[in-house]
Amino acid sequence: MATFKYEDVDYEFADPDSWTTLECIKLEAHTGKKPREIIQEFLQWDAIGVHSFAWVSLRRAGVDVAWDELQLPLAATLMSLRGEPVTEPPDPSTASTAKPKAARRTRSAPARSPKK
């Protein structure tokens, strides 16, 4: 099964064939969806499916995270699922402080007169 990163630790997604009845009941209570729908959404890389698989996997690994407190970087998680190298987003503290230049009219665009 594929892996995902949570709080700088790698975890493996739990195989849905091993989900317990209680896990399925809790997932249905949180999502309003049947387990087969959640599995389908995971296979389509939808956020609810990915979130559900990660939540079950973390709880099995002993991480007691509340459903509505679990936050995963969706893009990085999807890249991991696809087997692509995950790149870290740029650090906003090192971003350039230069102000963007204001847009200006090009010569090919005629000036418009104000409407009266």
Protein backbone atom coordinates (compact mmCIF):
# COMPACT_ATOMS: atom_id res chain seq x y z
CA MET A 1 0.00 0.00 0.00
CA ALA A 2 1.11 3.58 -0.56
CA THR A 3 2.53 5.87 2.10
CA PHE A 4 1.79 9.38 3.30
CA LYS A 5 3.52 11.85 5.59
CA TYR A 6 1.97 13.25 8.77
CA GLU A 7 3.92 15.53 11.11
CA ASP A 8 7.18 14.56 9.38
CA VAL A 9 6.62 10.81 9.88
CA ASP A 10 5.87 8.38 7.06
CA TYR A 11 2.85 6.10 7.47
CA GLU A 12 1.44 3.38 5.27
CA PHE A 13 -2.21 3.57 4.22
CA ALA A 14 -4.19 0.75 5.86
CA ASP A 15 -5.54 -1.91 3.51
CA PRO A 16 -9.35 -1.49 3.44
CA ASP A 17 -9.74 -5.28 3.43
CA SER A 18 -8.53 -5.16 7.03
CA TRP A 19 -10.83 -2.36 8.20
CA THR A 20 -12.91 -3.35 11.22
CA THR A 21 -16.66 -2.88 11.52
CA LEU A 22 -16.09 -0.14 14.10
CA GLU A 23 -13.71 1.71 11.76
CA CYS A 24 -16.30 1.49 8.98
CA ILE A 25 -19.07 2.72 11.28
CA LYS A 26 -16.93 5.67 12.40
CA LEU A 27 -16.01 6.52 8.81
CA GLU A 28 -19.66 6.43 7.78
CA ALA A 29 -20.58 8.66 10.75
CA HIS A 30 -17.92 11.21 9.76
CA THR A 31 -18.49 11.16 6.01
CA GLY A 32 -22.07 10.00 5.49
CA LYS A 33 -20.66 7.54 2.96
CA LYS A 34 -20.50 3.74 2.85
CA PRO A 35 -17.01 2.17 2.98
CA ARG A 36 -17.24 1.13 -0.68
CA GLU A 37 -17.86 4.79 -1.63
CA ILE A 38 -14.88 5.90 0.47
CA ILE A 39 -12.67 3.29 -1.19
CA GLN A 40 -13.81 4.49 -4.63
CA GLU A 41 -13.05 8.10 -3.68
CA PHE A 42 -9.60 7.06 -2.44
CA LEU A 43 -8.92 5.30 -5.76
CA GLN A 44 -9.95 8.53 -7.52
CA TRP A 45 -7.72 10.51 -5.14
CA ASP A 46 -10.61 12.59 -3.80
CA ALA A 47 -9.95 14.43 -0.55
CA ILE A 48 -12.59 12.55 1.50
CA GLY A 49 -11.18 9.19 0.43
CA VAL A 50 -7.58 10.18 1.15
CA HIS A 51 -8.57 11.75 4.49
CA SER A 52 -10.51 8.61 5.48
CA PHE A 53 -7.67 6.23 4.66
CA ALA A 54 -5.15 8.43 6.47
CA TRP A 55 -7.37 8.76 9.55
CA VAL A 56 -7.82 4.98 9.89
CA SER A 57 -4.11 4.42 9.26
CA LEU A 58 -3.00 6.96 11.87
CA ARG A 59 -5.37 5.58 14.50
CA ARG A 60 -4.01 2.09 13.86
CA ALA A 61 -0.48 3.43 14.27
CA GLY A 62 -1.42 4.81 17.70
CA VAL A 63 -1.83 8.44 16.64
CA ASP A 64 -5.03 9.64 18.30
CA VAL A 65 -6.01 12.43 15.95
CA ALA A 66 -9.56 13.77 15.77
CA TRP A 67 -11.29 13.53 12.40
CA ASP A 68 -11.69 17.29 12.08
CA GLU A 69 -8.15 18.03 13.25
CA LEU A 70 -6.35 15.86 10.71
CA GLN A 71 -4.78 18.05 8.04
CA LEU A 72 -2.73 16.63 5.22
CA PRO A 73 -1.10 18.56 2.40
CA LEU A 74 -3.29 17.16 -0.37
CA ALA A 75 -0.92 17.88 -3.26
CA ALA A 76 2.06 16.23 -1.56
CA THR A 77 -0.08 13.27 -0.47
CA LEU A 78 -1.35 12.77 -4.01
CA MET A 79 2.19 13.02 -5.38
CA SER A 80 3.20 10.27 -2.96
CA LEU A 81 0.24 8.12 -4.03
CA ARG A 82 1.26 8.53 -7.66
CA GLY A 83 4.83 7.55 -6.85
CA GLU A 84 6.15 10.99 -7.79
CA PRO A 85 8.95 12.67 -5.84
CA VAL A 86 7.42 14.98 -3.28
CA THR A 87 8.85 18.47 -3.29
CA GLU A 88 8.47 20.75 -0.34
CA PRO A 89 6.60 24.00 -0.94
CA PRO A 90 8.74 27.13 -0.85
CA ASP A 91 9.34 28.58 2.60
CA PRO A 92 7.27 31.79 2.76
CA SER A 93 9.76 33.35 5.18
CA THR A 94 12.41 33.35 2.45
CA ALA A 95 10.15 34.68 -0.29
CA SER A 96 11.14 37.80 -2.12
CA THR A 97 9.89 41.06 -0.64
CA ALA A 98 9.99 42.81 -4.02
CA LYS A 99 6.68 44.33 -4.98
CA PRO A 100 5.21 43.20 -8.28
CA LYS A 101 5.16 45.81 -11.01
CA ALA A 102 1.83 47.42 -11.70
CA ALA A 103 0.08 46.33 -14.85
CA ARG A 104 0.36 48.78 -17.68
CA ARG A 105 -1.36 49.21 -20.96
CA THR A 106 0.43 48.00 -24.04
CA ARG A 107 0.69 50.10 -27.16
CA SER A 108 -1.59 47.79 -29.10
CA ALA A 109 -4.48 48.38 -26.70
CA PRO A 110 -6.24 51.67 -27.50
CA ALA A 111 -7.11 53.92 -24.60
CA ARG A 112 -10.74 53.88 -23.66
CA SER A 113 -12.62 57.00 -22.87
CA PRO A 114 -14.54 57.03 -19.61
CA LYS A 115 -18.24 56.23 -19.85
CA LYS A 116 -20.64 59.06 -19.14
